[in-house]
Amino acid sequence: MLDFENNANPYPDHKEAISEWKNLASVQIEALETIRKYANQLTATNRIKSKDALHIACSVEAQSDYFITTDKQLLKKSKTLTTIKTVNPVDFILKEIL
C-alpha cells in the first residue's frame, strides 16, 4: 500500500523521505487476500476509505498494537475497532508512552 501511494506522490522530496522511512521498517506486509477481505469489511461497516482501510488491515496483519494517524475523520471512524487501537501521534506520546 505504501509503495502504491508513494509511486503516485507528486512531491519528490516527500517521495524520497517516505522511501527512506520504509527502509527503516522492521516488518513489511505483502498483499494477502485476508488483508483485502478485512479492508473491504472496514470500508463496508465503518465507512472507512479503501486506502485507509488497507493501511489499517496491514497494521492488523502485522499485529501492531497501534495505528497512528493525523486524519481526524479516520480517527473518529476507527474508534470502534477492536482489532487495533487507533490514535493520533500526540495522544500516543502523551498517553501511551509517558
Protein backbone atom coordinates (compact mmCIF):
# COMPACT_ATOMS: atom_id res chain seq x y z
CA MET A 1 0.00 0.00 0.00
CA LEU A 2 2.80 2.37 0.90
CA ASP A 3 4.61 1.68 -2.37
CA PHE A 4 1.40 2.17 -4.36
CA GLU A 5 0.68 5.53 -2.75
CA ASN A 6 4.28 6.69 -2.82
CA ASN A 7 4.65 5.94 -6.52
CA ALA A 8 1.82 8.41 -7.14
CA ASN A 9 3.33 11.06 -4.85
CA PRO A 10 3.93 14.22 -6.90
CA TYR A 11 6.47 15.67 -4.43
CA PRO A 12 9.98 14.27 -4.99
CA ASP A 13 11.24 15.27 -1.53
CA HIS A 14 8.24 13.64 0.17
CA LYS A 15 8.61 10.57 -2.01
CA GLU A 16 12.27 10.20 -1.06
CA ALA A 17 11.57 10.71 2.65
CA ILE A 18 8.85 8.05 2.61
CA SER A 19 11.14 5.62 0.78
CA GLU A 20 13.85 6.18 3.38
CA TRP A 21 11.34 5.71 6.20
CA LYS A 22 10.14 2.45 4.64
CA ASN A 23 13.69 1.12 4.64
CA LEU A 24 13.73 1.51 8.44
CA ALA A 25 10.67 -0.71 8.89
CA SER A 26 11.33 -3.99 10.66
CA VAL A 27 8.26 -5.66 9.12
CA GLN A 28 6.94 -5.48 5.58
CA ILE A 29 3.49 -6.83 4.82
CA GLU A 30 2.72 -8.35 1.44
CA ALA A 31 -0.68 -8.09 -0.21
CA LEU A 32 -2.75 -11.00 1.08
CA GLU A 33 -6.35 -11.97 0.45
CA THR A 34 -7.03 -11.79 4.21
CA ILE A 35 -5.90 -8.15 4.19
CA ARG A 36 -8.13 -7.32 1.24
CA LYS A 37 -11.12 -9.00 2.89
CA TYR A 38 -10.63 -7.19 6.17
CA ALA A 39 -10.14 -3.87 4.36
CA ASN A 40 -13.38 -4.44 2.43
CA GLN A 41 -15.14 -5.18 5.72
CA LEU A 42 -13.80 -1.94 7.24
CA THR A 43 -14.99 0.00 4.21
CA ALA A 44 -18.46 -1.54 4.34
CA THR A 45 -19.08 -1.47 8.08
CA ASN A 46 -17.19 1.64 9.22
CA ARG A 47 -17.30 3.69 6.01
CA ILE A 48 -13.51 3.93 6.06
CA LYS A 49 -11.97 4.91 2.72
CA SER A 50 -10.46 1.98 0.85
CA LYS A 51 -6.83 3.16 1.05
CA ASP A 52 -7.15 3.91 4.76
CA ALA A 53 -8.80 0.53 5.30
CA LEU A 54 -5.88 -1.19 3.57
CA HIS A 55 -3.41 0.62 5.83
CA ILE A 56 -5.33 -0.47 8.92
CA ALA A 57 -5.67 -4.03 7.64
CA CYS A 58 -1.92 -4.20 7.05
CA SER A 59 -1.30 -2.95 10.59
CA VAL A 60 -3.61 -5.62 11.97
CA GLU A 61 -1.87 -8.28 9.87
CA ALA A 62 1.47 -7.12 11.29
CA GLN A 63 -0.02 -7.50 14.78
CA SER A 64 0.66 -3.86 15.59
CA ASP A 65 -0.63 -2.54 18.86
CA TYR A 66 -1.40 0.89 17.38
CA PHE A 67 -2.36 2.56 14.15
CA ILE A 68 -1.15 6.16 14.32
CA THR A 69 -2.73 8.79 12.10
CA THR A 70 -3.41 12.52 11.98
CA ASP A 71 -6.58 12.02 9.91
CA LYS A 72 -9.40 13.23 12.20
CA GLN A 73 -12.15 11.53 10.20
CA LEU A 74 -10.27 8.23 10.23
CA LEU A 75 -9.70 8.52 13.98
CA LYS A 76 -13.43 9.06 14.51
CA LYS A 77 -14.49 6.21 12.23
CA SER A 78 -11.99 3.74 13.67
CA LYS A 79 -12.82 4.37 17.35
CA THR A 80 -14.98 1.24 17.49
CA LEU A 81 -12.34 -1.11 16.10
CA THR A 82 -11.39 -3.89 18.48
CA THR A 83 -8.55 -5.24 16.35
CA ILE A 84 -6.21 -2.27 16.79
CA LYS A 85 -6.03 0.94 18.80
CA THR A 86 -6.10 4.00 16.53
CA VAL A 87 -4.57 7.17 17.96
CA ASN A 88 -3.07 10.45 16.83
CA PRO A 89 0.69 10.93 17.34
CA VAL A 90 0.34 13.43 20.20
CA ASP A 91 -2.02 11.20 22.21
CA PHE A 92 0.22 8.23 21.52
CA ILE A 93 3.19 10.01 23.04
CA LEU A 94 1.33 11.67 25.91
CA LYS A 95 -0.95 8.81 26.95
CA GLU A 96 0.76 5.65 25.77
CA ILE A 97 4.47 6.36 26.06
CA LEU A 98 4.78 8.77 29.00
